[in-house]
Amino acid sequence: MKDFSLGTMYWINPKLTVAEVEEDFCRMRDNGLTLVRCIVWWELVEEIEGQYDFTHVDCFFAAAEKTGMDVMVTIGFYLPFWLTAKLDAIGKNDPGRYPNSTIKYDYAYL
């Protein structure tokens, strides 16, 4: 039988300490999980244009390495707030890029 990965989504909270993140990873591992998926929210990495802070992301990877967990990463869903404001200012922002379940589709045309 091939190895089976059982995983979960982990929302990186930049307010957690390194020890708290490591505790989370230990609990996940102790409960049989082997894979952790996280989303790196770019608006938290680059809150100010051109200034990058990967501290909370580094903490996540360090905890994964320490506990032997596999990692799957998605880089952000949304633009940083500063970029959204710039796009709004020049009329180029498209808030409809991320449709949600409240949108009604006419499937006859799809």
PDB file of N, CA and C in Angstrom:
ATOM      1  N   MET A   1       0.843  -1.180   0.000  1.00  0.00           N
ATOM      2  CA  MET A   1       0.000   0.000   0.000  1.00  0.00           C
ATOM      3  C   MET A   1       0.892   1.248   0.000  1.00  0.00           C
ATOM      4  N   LYS A   2       0.524   2.204  -0.805  1.00  0.00           N
ATOM      5  CA  LYS A   2       1.281   3.448  -0.868  1.00  0.00           C
ATOM      6  C   LYS A   2       1.001   4.293   0.368  1.00  0.00           C
ATOM      7  N   ASP A   3       1.963   5.177   0.679  1.00  0.00           N
ATOM      8  CA  ASP A   3       1.763   6.088   1.808  1.00  0.00           C
ATOM      9  C   ASP A   3       0.569   6.988   1.550  1.00  0.00           C
ATOM     10  N   PHE A   4      -0.121   7.312   2.607  1.00  0.00           N
ATOM     11  CA  PHE A   4      -1.298   8.164   2.535  1.00  0.00           C
ATOM     12  C   PHE A   4      -1.029   9.404   3.369  1.00  0.00           C
ATOM     13  N   SER A   5      -1.259  10.574   2.791  1.00  0.00           N
ATOM     14  CA  SER A   5      -1.082  11.829   3.523  1.00  0.00           C
ATOM     15  C   SER A   5      -2.432  12.330   3.994  1.00  0.00           C
ATOM     16  N   LEU A   6      -2.520  12.590   5.261  1.00  0.00           N
ATOM     17  CA  LEU A   6      -3.715  13.187   5.834  1.00  0.00           C
ATOM     18  C   LEU A   6      -3.315  14.571   6.311  1.00  0.00           C
ATOM     19  N   GLY A   7      -4.016  15.582   5.810  1.00  0.00           N
ATOM     20  CA  GLY A   7      -3.587  16.937   6.119  1.00  0.00           C
ATOM     21  C   GLY A   7      -4.710  17.866   6.516  1.00  0.00           C
ATOM     22  N   THR A   8      -4.316  19.093   6.719  1.00  0.00           N
ATOM     23  CA  THR A   8      -5.256  20.128   7.119  1.00  0.00           C
ATOM     24  C   THR A   8      -4.798  21.480   6.587  1.00  0.00           C
ATOM     25  N   MET A   9      -5.703  22.427   6.630  1.00  0.00           N
ATOM     26  CA  MET A   9      -5.391  23.810   6.288  1.00  0.00           C
ATOM     27  C   MET A   9      -5.003  24.514   7.578  1.00  0.00           C
ATOM     28  N   TYR A  10      -3.973  25.329   7.521  1.00  0.00           N
ATOM     29  CA  TYR A  10      -3.521  26.082   8.690  1.00  0.00           C
ATOM     30  C   TYR A  10      -3.469  27.550   8.314  1.00  0.00           C
ATOM     31  N   TRP A  11      -4.270  28.359   8.990  1.00  0.00           N
ATOM     32  CA  TRP A  11      -4.280  29.794   8.739  1.00  0.00           C
ATOM     33  C   TRP A  11      -3.188  30.420   9.592  1.00  0.00           C
ATOM     34  N   ILE A  12      -2.180  30.957   8.962  1.00  0.00           N
ATOM     35  CA  ILE A  12      -1.056  31.539   9.698  1.00  0.00           C
ATOM     36  C   ILE A  12      -1.523  32.802  10.414  1.00  0.00           C
ATOM     37  N   ASN A  13      -1.416  32.784  11.726  1.00  0.00           N
ATOM     38  CA  ASN A  13      -1.754  33.948  12.536  1.00  0.00           C
ATOM     39  C   ASN A  13      -0.454  34.651  12.904  1.00  0.00           C
ATOM     40  N   PRO A  14      -0.196  35.837  12.357  1.00  0.00           N
ATOM     41  CA  PRO A  14       1.074  36.510  12.623  1.00  0.00           C
ATOM     42  C   PRO A  14       1.245  36.935  14.081  1.00  0.00           C
ATOM     43  N   LYS A  15       0.192  36.834  14.876  1.00  0.00           N
ATOM     44  CA  LYS A  15       0.284  37.221  16.287  1.00  0.00           C
ATOM     45  C   LYS A  15       0.757  36.075  17.184  1.00  0.00           C
ATOM     46  N   LEU A  16       0.804  34.847  16.651  1.00  0.00           N
ATOM     47  CA  LEU A  16       1.254  33.716  17.445  1.00  0.00           C
ATOM     48  C   LEU A  16       2.766  33.727  17.602  1.00  0.00           C
ATOM     49  N   THR A  17       3.232  33.236  18.739  1.00  0.00           N
ATOM     50  CA  THR A  17       4.667  33.108  18.970  1.00  0.00           C
ATOM     51  C   THR A  17       5.174  31.851  18.276  1.00  0.00           C
ATOM     52  N   VAL A  18       6.481  31.747  18.149  1.00  0.00           N
ATOM     53  CA  VAL A  18       7.092  30.551  17.557  1.00  0.00           C
ATOM     54  C   VAL A  18       6.677  29.326  18.369  1.00  0.00           C
ATOM     55  N   ALA A  19       6.694  29.434  19.689  1.00  0.00           N
ATOM     56  CA  ALA A  19       6.330  28.305  20.549  1.00  0.00           C
ATOM     57  C   ALA A  19       4.878  27.885  20.328  1.00  0.00           C
ATOM     58  N   GLU A  20       3.976  28.830  20.153  1.00  0.00           N
ATOM     59  CA  GLU A  20       2.564  28.507  19.918  1.00  0.00           C
ATOM     60  C   GLU A  20       2.365  27.790  18.588  1.00  0.00           C
ATOM     61  N   VAL A  21       3.074  28.234  17.555  1.00  0.00           N
ATOM     62  CA  VAL A  21       2.962  27.578  16.246  1.00  0.00           C
ATOM     63  C   VAL A  21       3.528  26.158  16.339  1.00  0.00           C
ATOM     64  N   GLU A  22       4.659  26.005  17.027  1.00  0.00           N
ATOM     65  CA  GLU A  22       5.236  24.673  17.201  1.00  0.00           C
ATOM     66  C   GLU A  22       4.287  23.757  17.968  1.00  0.00           C
ATOM     67  N   GLU A  23       3.597  24.282  18.982  1.00  0.00           N
ATOM     68  CA  GLU A  23       2.609  23.488  19.718  1.00  0.00           C
ATOM     69  C   GLU A  23       1.485  23.032  18.794  1.00  0.00           C
ATOM     70  N   ASP A  24       1.020  23.933  17.925  1.00  0.00           N
ATOM     71  CA  ASP A  24      -0.014  23.564  16.956  1.00  0.00           C
ATOM     72  C   ASP A  24       0.457  22.413  16.078  1.00  0.00           C
ATOM     73  N   PHE A  25       1.683  22.518  15.589  1.00  0.00           N
ATOM     74  CA  PHE A  25       2.225  21.487  14.704  1.00  0.00           C
ATOM     75  C   PHE A  25       2.388  20.158  15.435  1.00  0.00           C
ATOM     76  N   CYS A  26       2.814  20.213  16.690  1.00  0.00           N
ATOM     77  CA  CYS A  26       2.940  18.980  17.469  1.00  0.00           C
ATOM     78  C   CYS A  26       1.577  18.318  17.659  1.00  0.00           C
ATOM     79  N   ARG A  27       0.549  19.112  17.936  1.00  0.00           N
ATOM     80  CA  ARG A  27      -0.799  18.558  18.092  1.00  0.00           C
ATOM     81  C   ARG A  27      -1.279  17.927  16.783  1.00  0.00           C
ATOM     82  N   MET A  28      -1.017  18.609  15.663  1.00  0.00           N
ATOM     83  CA  MET A  28      -1.433  18.055  14.376  1.00  0.00           C
ATOM     84  C   MET A  28      -0.726  16.730  14.123  1.00  0.00           C
ATOM     85  N   ARG A  29       0.583  16.710  14.320  1.00  0.00           N
ATOM     86  CA  ARG A  29       1.363  15.488  14.104  1.00  0.00           C
ATOM     87  C   ARG A  29       0.896  14.373  15.036  1.00  0.00           C
ATOM     88  N   ASP A  30       0.675  14.704  16.308  1.00  0.00           N
ATOM     89  CA  ASP A  30       0.258  13.703  17.294  1.00  0.00           C
ATOM     90  C   ASP A  30      -1.127  13.137  16.990  1.00  0.00           C
ATOM     91  N   ASN A  31      -1.911  13.862  16.202  1.00  0.00           N
ATOM     92  CA  ASN A  31      -3.242  13.390  15.811  1.00  0.00           C
ATOM     93  C   ASN A  31      -3.245  12.724  14.441  1.00  0.00           C
ATOM     94  N   GLY A  32      -2.063  12.409  13.934  1.00  0.00           N
ATOM     95  CA  GLY A  32      -1.958  11.627  12.713  1.00  0.00           C
ATOM     96  C   GLY A  32      -1.876  12.415  11.422  1.00  0.00           C
ATOM     97  N   LEU A  33      -1.827  13.739  11.497  1.00  0.00           N
ATOM     98  CA  LEU A  33      -1.711  14.533  10.275  1.00  0.00           C
ATOM     99  C   LEU A  33      -0.266  14.538   9.806  1.00  0.00           C
ATOM    100  N   THR A  34      -0.080  14.550   8.494  1.00  0.00           N
ATOM    101  CA  THR A  34       1.273  14.538   7.934  1.00  0.00           C
ATOM    102  C   THR A  34       1.512  15.697   6.966  1.00  0.00           C
ATOM    103  N   LEU A  35       0.454  16.406   6.613  1.00  0.00           N
ATOM    104  CA  LEU A  35       0.542  17.467   5.608  1.00  0.00           C
ATOM    105  C   LEU A  35      -0.211  18.698   6.098  1.00  0.00           C
ATOM    106  N   VAL A  36       0.408  19.863   5.942  1.00  0.00           N
ATOM    107  CA  VAL A  36      -0.224  21.121   6.332  1.00  0.00           C
ATOM    108  C   VAL A  36      -0.203  22.061   5.136  1.00  0.00           C
ATOM    109  N   ARG A  37      -1.379  22.586   4.784  1.00  0.00           N
ATOM    110  CA  ARG A  37      -1.473  23.574   3.717  1.00  0.00           C
ATOM    111  C   ARG A  37      -1.690  24.937   4.352  1.00  0.00           C
ATOM    112  N   CYS A  38      -0.976  25.924   3.851  1.00  0.00           N
ATOM    113  CA  CYS A  38      -1.189  27.281   4.347  1.00  0.00           C
ATOM    114  C   CYS A  38      -1.301  28.240   3.165  1.00  0.00           C
ATOM    115  N   ILE A  39      -1.961  29.326   3.437  1.00  0.00           N
ATOM    116  CA  ILE A  39      -2.034  30.406   2.464  1.00  0.00           C
ATOM    117  C   ILE A  39      -1.194  31.547   2.992  1.00  0.00           C
ATOM    118  N   VAL A  40      -0.228  31.972   2.197  1.00  0.00           N
ATOM    119  CA  VAL A  40       0.587  33.125   2.567  1.00  0.00           C
ATOM    120  C   VAL A  40      -0.154  34.362   2.069  1.00  0.00           C
ATOM    121  N   TRP A  41      -0.749  35.094   2.990  1.00  0.00           N
ATOM    122  CA  TRP A  41      -1.514  36.294   2.652  1.00  0.00           C
ATOM    123  C   TRP A  41      -0.538  37.407   2.310  1.00  0.00           C
ATOM    124  N   TRP A  42      -0.467  37.756   1.035  1.00  0.00           N
ATOM    125  CA  TRP A  42       0.523  38.732   0.601  1.00  0.00           C
ATOM    126  C   TRP A  42       0.300  40.098   1.236  1.00  0.00           C
ATOM    127  N   GLU A  43      -0.959  40.420   1.557  1.00  0.00           N
ATOM    128  CA  GLU A  43      -1.204  41.720   2.197  1.00  0.00           C
ATOM    129  C   GLU A  43      -0.589  41.783   3.591  1.00  0.00           C
ATOM    130  N   LEU A  44      -0.245  40.631   4.190  1.00  0.00           N
ATOM    131  CA  LEU A  44       0.469  40.625   5.467  1.00  0.00           C
ATOM    132  C   LEU A  44       1.979  40.611   5.269  1.00  0.00           C
ATOM    133  N   VAL A  45       2.430  40.055   4.156  1.00  0.00           N
ATOM    134  CA  VAL A  45       3.867  40.020   3.861  1.00  0.00           C
ATOM    135  C   VAL A  45       4.356  41.396   3.415  1.00  0.00           C
ATOM    136  N   GLU A  46       3.560  42.076   2.582  1.00  0.00           N
ATOM    137  CA  GLU A  46       3.961  43.382   2.046  1.00  0.00           C
ATOM    138  C   GLU A  46       2.883  44.414   2.385  1.00  0.00           C
ATOM    139  N   GLU A  47       2.764  44.719   3.671  1.00  0.00           N
ATOM    140  CA  GLU A  47       1.750  45.686   4.097  1.00  0.00           C
ATOM    141  C   GLU A  47       2.041  47.074   3.544  1.00  0.00           C
ATOM    142  N   ILE A  48       3.324  47.388   3.411  1.00  0.00           N
ATOM    143  CA  ILE A  48       3.770  48.661   2.837  1.00  0.00           C
ATOM    144  C   ILE A  48       4.541  48.329   1.562  1.00  0.00           C
ATOM    145  N   GLU A  49       4.229  49.026   0.504  1.00  0.00           N
ATOM    146  CA  GLU A  49       4.852  48.741  -0.788  1.00  0.00           C
ATOM    147  C   GLU A  49       6.372  48.666  -0.681  1.00  0.00           C
ATOM    148  N   GLY A  50       6.918  47.553  -1.147  1.00  0.00           N
ATOM    149  CA  GLY A  50       8.361  47.370  -1.184  1.00  0.00           C
ATOM    150  C   GLY A  50       8.993  46.950   0.128  1.00  0.00           C
ATOM    151  N   GLN A  51       8.198  46.808   1.196  1.00  0.00           N
ATOM    152  CA  GLN A  51       8.725  46.372   2.493  1.00  0.00           C
ATOM    153  C   GLN A  51       8.134  44.992   2.807  1.00  0.00           C
ATOM    154  N   TYR A  52       8.996  44.001   2.893  1.00  0.00           N
ATOM    155  CA  TYR A  52       8.557  42.616   3.047  1.00  0.00           C
ATOM    156  C   TYR A  52       8.881  42.091   4.441  1.00  0.00           C
ATOM    157  N   ASP A  53       7.934  41.379   5.024  1.00  0.00           N
ATOM    158  CA  ASP A  53       8.132  40.774   6.330  1.00  0.00           C
ATOM    159  C   ASP A  53       7.618  39.337   6.278  1.00  0.00           C
ATOM    160  N   PHE A  54       8.543  38.399   6.215  1.00  0.00           N
ATOM    161  CA  PHE A  54       8.204  36.981   6.143  1.00  0.00           C
ATOM    162  C   PHE A  54       8.305  36.299   7.503  1.00  0.00           C
ATOM    163  N   THR A  55       8.364  37.066   8.579  1.00  0.00           N
ATOM    164  CA  THR A  55       8.571  36.498   9.912  1.00  0.00           C
ATOM    165  C   THR A  55       7.574  35.396  10.224  1.00  0.00           C
ATOM    166  N   HIS A  56       6.278  35.658  10.026  1.00  0.00           N
ATOM    167  CA  HIS A  56       5.269  34.651  10.363  1.00  0.00           C
ATOM    168  C   HIS A  56       5.322  33.448   9.416  1.00  0.00           C
ATOM    169  N   VAL A  57       5.746  33.664   8.187  1.00  0.00           N
ATOM    170  CA  VAL A  57       5.883  32.557   7.231  1.00  0.00           C
ATOM    171  C   VAL A  57       7.087  31.697   7.624  1.00  0.00           C
ATOM    172  N   ASP A  58       8.187  32.354   7.992  1.00  0.00           N
ATOM    173  CA  ASP A  58       9.372  31.619   8.440  1.00  0.00           C
ATOM    174  C   ASP A  58       9.057  30.760   9.666  1.00  0.00           C
ATOM    175  N   CYS A  59       8.246  31.301  10.559  1.00  0.00           N
ATOM    176  CA  CYS A  59       7.839  30.581  11.766  1.00  0.00           C
ATOM    177  C   CYS A  59       7.077  29.313  11.386  1.00  0.00           C
ATOM    178  N   PHE A  60       6.193  29.423  10.429  1.00  0.00           N
ATOM    179  CA  PHE A  60       5.415  28.280   9.941  1.00  0.00           C
ATOM    180  C   PHE A  60       6.337  27.196   9.390  1.00  0.00           C
ATOM    181  N   PHE A  61       7.274  27.576   8.526  1.00  0.00           N
ATOM    182  CA  PHE A  61       8.183  26.595   7.925  1.00  0.00           C
ATOM    183  C   PHE A  61       9.112  25.967   8.957  1.00  0.00           C
ATOM    184  N   ALA A  62       9.554  26.754   9.937  1.00  0.00           N
ATOM    185  CA  ALA A  62      10.421  26.217  10.990  1.00  0.00           C
ATOM    186  C   ALA A  62       9.680  25.163  11.810  1.00  0.00           C
ATOM    187  N   ALA A  63       8.414  25.434  12.131  1.00  0.00           N
ATOM    188  CA  ALA A  63       7.621  24.476  12.901  1.00  0.00           C
ATOM    189  C   ALA A  63       7.378  23.201  12.096  1.00  0.00           C
ATOM    190  N   ALA A  64       7.124  23.353  10.811  1.00  0.00           N
ATOM    191  CA  ALA A  64       6.911  22.189   9.950  1.00  0.00           C
ATOM    192  C   ALA A  64       8.170  21.332   9.884  1.00  0.00           C
ATOM    193  N   GLU A  65       9.301  21.980   9.724  1.00  0.00           N
ATOM    194  CA  GLU A  65      10.566  21.236   9.654  1.00  0.00           C
ATOM    195  C   GLU A  65      10.850  20.523  10.972  1.00  0.00           C
ATOM    196  N   LYS A  66      10.639  21.216  12.070  1.00  0.00           N
ATOM    197  CA  LYS A  66      10.929  20.654  13.395  1.00  0.00           C
ATOM    198  C   LYS A  66      10.069  19.426  13.695  1.00  0.00           C
ATOM    199  N   THR A  67       8.836  19.418  13.213  1.00  0.00           N
ATOM    200  CA  THR A  67       7.918  18.313  13.498  1.00  0.00           C
ATOM    201  C   THR A  67       7.839  17.279  12.380  1.00  0.00           C
ATOM    202  N   GLY A  68       8.538  17.534  11.276  1.00  0.00           N
ATOM    203  CA  GLY A  68       8.552  16.577  10.173  1.00  0.00           C
ATOM    204  C   GLY A  68       7.297  16.586   9.318  1.00  0.00           C
ATOM    205  N   MET A  69       6.541  17.666   9.389  1.00  0.00           N
ATOM    206  CA  MET A  69       5.309  17.768   8.598  1.00  0.00           C
ATOM    207  C   MET A  69       5.643  18.209   7.178  1.00  0.00           C
ATOM    208  N   ASP A  70       4.897  17.682   6.196  1.00  0.00           N
ATOM    209  CA  ASP A  70       5.003  18.137   4.820  1.00  0.00           C
ATOM    210  C   ASP A  70       4.172  19.410   4.675  1.00  0.00           C
ATOM    211  N   VAL A  71       4.550  20.247   3.709  1.00  0.00           N
ATOM    212  CA  VAL A  71       3.912  21.554   3.543  1.00  0.00           C
ATOM    213  C   VAL A  71       3.438  21.742   2.110  1.00  0.00           C
ATOM    214  N   MET A  72       2.250  22.333   1.973  1.00  0.00           N
ATOM    215  CA  MET A  72       1.728  22.781   0.683  1.00  0.00           C
ATOM    216  C   MET A  72       1.410  24.271   0.875  1.00  0.00           C
ATOM    217  N   VAL A  73       1.904  25.112  -0.014  1.00  0.00           N
ATOM    218  CA  VAL A  73       1.734  26.557   0.146  1.00  0.00           C
ATOM    219  C   VAL A  73       0.986  27.156  -1.036  1.00  0.00           C
ATOM    220  N   THR A  74       0.080  28.065  -0.726  1.00  0.00           N
ATOM    221  CA  THR A  74      -0.586  28.881  -1.733  1.00  0.00           C
ATOM    222  C   THR A  74      -0.204  30.323  -1.432  1.00  0.00           C
ATOM    223  N   ILE A  75       0.243  31.038  -2.450  1.00  0.00           N
ATOM    224  CA  ILE A  75       0.624  32.437  -2.262  1.00  0.00           C
ATOM    225  C   ILE A  75      -0.583  33.308  -2.531  1.00  0.00           C
ATOM    226  N   GLY A  76      -1.107  33.875  -1.468  1.00  0.00           N
ATOM    227  CA  GLY A  76      -2.181  34.854  -1.468  1.00  0.00           C
ATOM    228  C   GLY A  76      -3.338  34.695  -2.424  1.00  0.00           C
ATOM    229  N   PHE A  77      -4.489  35.114  -1.962  1.00  0.00           N
ATOM    230  CA  PHE A  77      -5.686  35.186  -2.782  1.00  0.00           C
ATOM    231  C   PHE A  77      -5.947  36.617  -3.232  1.00  0.00           C
ATOM    232  N   TYR A  78      -5.540  37.540  -2.422  1.00  0.00           N
ATOM    233  CA  TYR A  78      -5.898  38.935  -2.654  1.00  0.00           C
ATOM    234  C   TYR A  78      -4.662  39.803  -2.795  1.00  0.00           C
ATOM    235  N   LEU A  79      -4.852  40.924  -3.446  1.00  0.00           N
ATOM    236  CA  LEU A  79      -3.768  41.897  -3.595  1.00  0.00           C
ATOM    237  C   LEU A  79      -3.522  42.606  -2.273  1.00  0.00           C
ATOM    238  N   PRO A  80      -2.302  43.119  -2.067  1.00  0.00           N
ATOM    239  CA  PRO A  80      -2.061  43.930  -0.871  1.00  0.00           C
ATOM    240  C   PRO A  80      -2.957  45.167  -0.898  1.00  0.00           C
ATOM    241  N   PHE A  81      -3.295  45.659   0.284  1.00  0.00           N
ATOM    242  CA  PHE A  81      -4.205  46.798   0.384  1.00  0.00           C
ATOM    243  C   PHE A  81      -3.663  48.029  -0.343  1.00  0.00           C
ATOM    244  N   TRP A  82      -2.355  48.262  -0.264  1.00  0.00           N
ATOM    245  CA  TRP A  82      -1.776  49.436  -0.922  1.00  0.00           C
ATOM    246  C   TRP A  82      -1.949  49.351  -2.439  1.00  0.00           C
ATOM    247  N   LEU A  83      -1.850  48.134  -2.996  1.00  0.00           N
ATOM    248  CA  LEU A  83      -2.001  47.979  -4.440  1.00  0.00           C
ATOM    249  C   LEU A  83      -3.470  48.129  -4.853  1.00  0.00           C
ATOM    250  N   THR A  84      -4.375  47.602  -4.035  1.00  0.00           N
ATOM    251  CA  THR A  84      -5.799  47.782  -4.308  1.00  0.00           C
ATOM    252  C   THR A  84      -6.150  49.266  -4.345  1.00  0.00           C
ATOM    253  N   ALA A  85      -5.611  50.036  -3.395  1.00  0.00           N
ATOM    254  CA  ALA A  85      -5.876  51.477  -3.360  1.00  0.00           C
ATOM    255  C   ALA A  85      -5.329  52.160  -4.611  1.00  0.00           C
ATOM    256  N   LYS A  86      -4.147  51.768  -5.051  1.00  0.00           N
ATOM    257  CA  LYS A  86      -3.571  52.345  -6.280  1.00  0.00           C
ATOM    258  C   LYS A  86      -4.447  52.033  -7.495  1.00  0.00           C
ATOM    259  N   LEU A  87      -4.891  50.789  -7.584  1.00  0.00           N
ATOM    260  CA  LEU A  87      -5.729  50.389  -8.713  1.00  0.00           C
ATOM    261  C   LEU A  87      -7.077  51.099  -8.673  1.00  0.00           C
ATOM    262  N   ASP A  88      -7.638  51.262  -7.467  1.00  0.00           N
ATOM    263  CA  ASP A  88      -8.888  52.021  -7.324  1.00  0.00           C
ATOM    264  C   ASP A  88      -8.708  53.443  -7.837  1.00  0.00           C
ATOM    265  N   ALA A  89      -7.574  54.044  -7.492  1.00  0.00           N
ATOM    266  CA  ALA A  89      -7.319  55.446  -7.846  1.00  0.00           C
ATOM    267  C   ALA A  89      -7.259  55.668  -9.355  1.00  0.00           C
ATOM    268  N   ILE A  90      -6.848  54.648 -10.093  1.00  0.00           N
ATOM    269  CA  ILE A  90      -6.763  54.810 -11.550  1.00  0.00           C
ATOM    270  C   ILE A  90      -7.877  54.051 -12.278  1.00  0.00           C
ATOM    271  N   GLY A  91      -8.849  53.555 -11.506  1.00  0.00           N
ATOM    272  CA  GLY A  91      -9.998  52.872 -12.101  1.00  0.00           C
ATOM    273  C   GLY A  91      -9.694  51.507 -12.674  1.00  0.00           C
ATOM    274  N   LYS A  92      -8.677  50.842 -12.174  1.00  0.00           N
ATOM    275  CA  LYS A  92      -8.284  49.539 -12.722  1.00  0.00           C
ATOM    276  C   LYS A  92      -8.574  48.364 -11.795  1.00  0.00           C
ATOM    277  N   ASN A  93      -9.107  48.613 -10.606  1.00  0.00           N
ATOM    278  CA  ASN A  93      -9.389  47.511  -9.697  1.00  0.00           C
ATOM    279  C   ASN A  93     -10.635  46.765 -10.171  1.00  0.00           C
ATOM    280  N   ASP A  94     -10.612  45.470 -10.081  1.00  0.00           N
ATOM    281  CA  ASP A  94     -11.746  44.647 -10.486  1.00  0.00           C
ATOM    282  C   ASP A  94     -12.191  43.806  -9.304  1.00  0.00           C
ATOM    283  N   PRO A  95     -13.073  44.349  -8.453  1.00  0.00           N
ATOM    284  CA  PRO A  95     -13.505  43.591  -7.277  1.00  0.00           C
ATOM    285  C   PRO A  95     -14.304  42.344  -7.633  1.00  0.00           C
ATOM    286  N   GLY A  96     -14.732  42.199  -8.857  1.00  0.00           N
ATOM    287  CA  GLY A  96     -15.479  41.027  -9.285  1.00  0.00           C
ATOM    288  C   GLY A  96     -14.619  39.835  -9.651  1.00  0.00           C
ATOM    289  N   ARG A  97     -13.295  39.959  -9.495  1.00  0.00           N
ATOM    290  CA  ARG A  97     -12.414  38.849  -9.850  1.00  0.00           C
ATOM    291  C   ARG A  97     -12.606  37.641  -8.957  1.00  0.00           C
ATOM    292  N   TYR A  98     -13.161  37.850  -7.783  1.00  0.00           N
ATOM    293  CA  TYR A  98     -13.328  36.759  -6.837  1.00  0.00           C
ATOM    294  C   TYR A  98     -14.816  36.525  -6.603  1.00  0.00           C
ATOM    295  N   PRO A  99     -15.492  35.857  -7.542  1.00  0.00           N
ATOM    296  CA  PRO A  99     -16.935  35.646  -7.385  1.00  0.00           C
ATOM    297  C   PRO A  99     -17.230  34.777  -6.167  1.00  0.00           C
ATOM    298  N   ASN A 100     -18.387  35.003  -5.576  1.00  0.00           N
ATOM    299  CA  ASN A 100     -18.777  34.178  -4.429  1.00  0.00           C
ATOM    300  C   ASN A 100     -20.100  33.482  -4.723  1.00  0.00           C
ATOM    301  N   SER A 101     -20.582  32.764  -3.760  1.00  0.00           N
ATOM    302  CA  SER A 101     -21.770  31.947  -3.983  1.00  0.00           C
ATOM    303  C   SER A 101     -23.051  32.762  -4.116  1.00  0.00           C
ATOM    304  N   THR A 102     -23.021  34.069  -3.871  1.00  0.00           N
ATOM    305  CA  THR A 102     -24.236  34.871  -3.994  1.00  0.00           C
ATOM    306  C   THR A 102     -24.488  35.297  -5.432  1.00  0.00           C
ATOM    307  N   ILE A 103     -23.525  35.078  -6.318  1.00  0.00           N
ATOM    308  CA  ILE A 103     -23.688  35.455  -7.722  1.00  0.00           C
ATOM    309  C   ILE A 103     -24.539  34.398  -8.420  1.00  0.00           C
ATOM    310  N   LYS A 104     -25.511  34.837  -9.147  1.00  0.00           N
ATOM    311  CA  LYS A 104     -26.385  33.919  -9.882  1.00  0.00           C
ATOM    312  C   LYS A 104     -25.880  33.827 -11.333  1.00  0.00           C
ATOM    313  N   TYR A 105     -25.659  32.596 -11.787  1.00  0.00           N
ATOM    314  CA  TYR A 105     -25.188  32.373 -13.149  1.00  0.00           C
ATOM    315  C   TYR A 105     -26.337  31.854 -14.008  1.00  0.00           C
ATOM    316  N   ASP A 106     -26.338  32.273 -15.253  1.00  0.00           N
ATOM    317  CA  ASP A 106     -27.298  31.727 -16.206  1.00  0.00           C
ATOM    318  C   ASP A 106     -26.541  30.626 -16.969  1.00  0.00           C
ATOM    319  N   TYR A 107     -26.736  29.385 -16.551  1.00  0.00           N
ATOM    320  CA  TYR A 107     -25.976  28.285 -17.098  1.00  0.00           C
ATOM    321  C   TYR A 107     -26.308  27.979 -18.549  1.00  0.00           C
ATOM    322  N   ALA A 108     -27.387  28.537 -19.052  1.00  0.00           N
ATOM    323  CA  ALA A 108     -27.745  28.314 -20.467  1.00  0.00           C
ATOM    324  C   ALA A 108     -26.692  28.916 -21.376  1.00  0.00           C
ATOM    325  N   TYR A 109     -25.945  29.929 -20.902  1.00  0.00           N
ATOM    326  CA  TYR A 109     -24.945  30.592 -21.733  1.00  0.00           C
ATOM    327  C   TYR A 109     -23.531  30.083 -21.479  1.00  0.00           C
ATOM    328  N   LEU A 110     -23.358  29.185 -20.536  1.00  0.00           N
ATOM    329  CA  LEU A 110     -22.013  28.676 -20.235  1.00  0.00           C
ATOM    330  C   LEU A 110     -21.663  27.487 -21.082  1.00  0.00           C
TER     331      LEU A 110
END
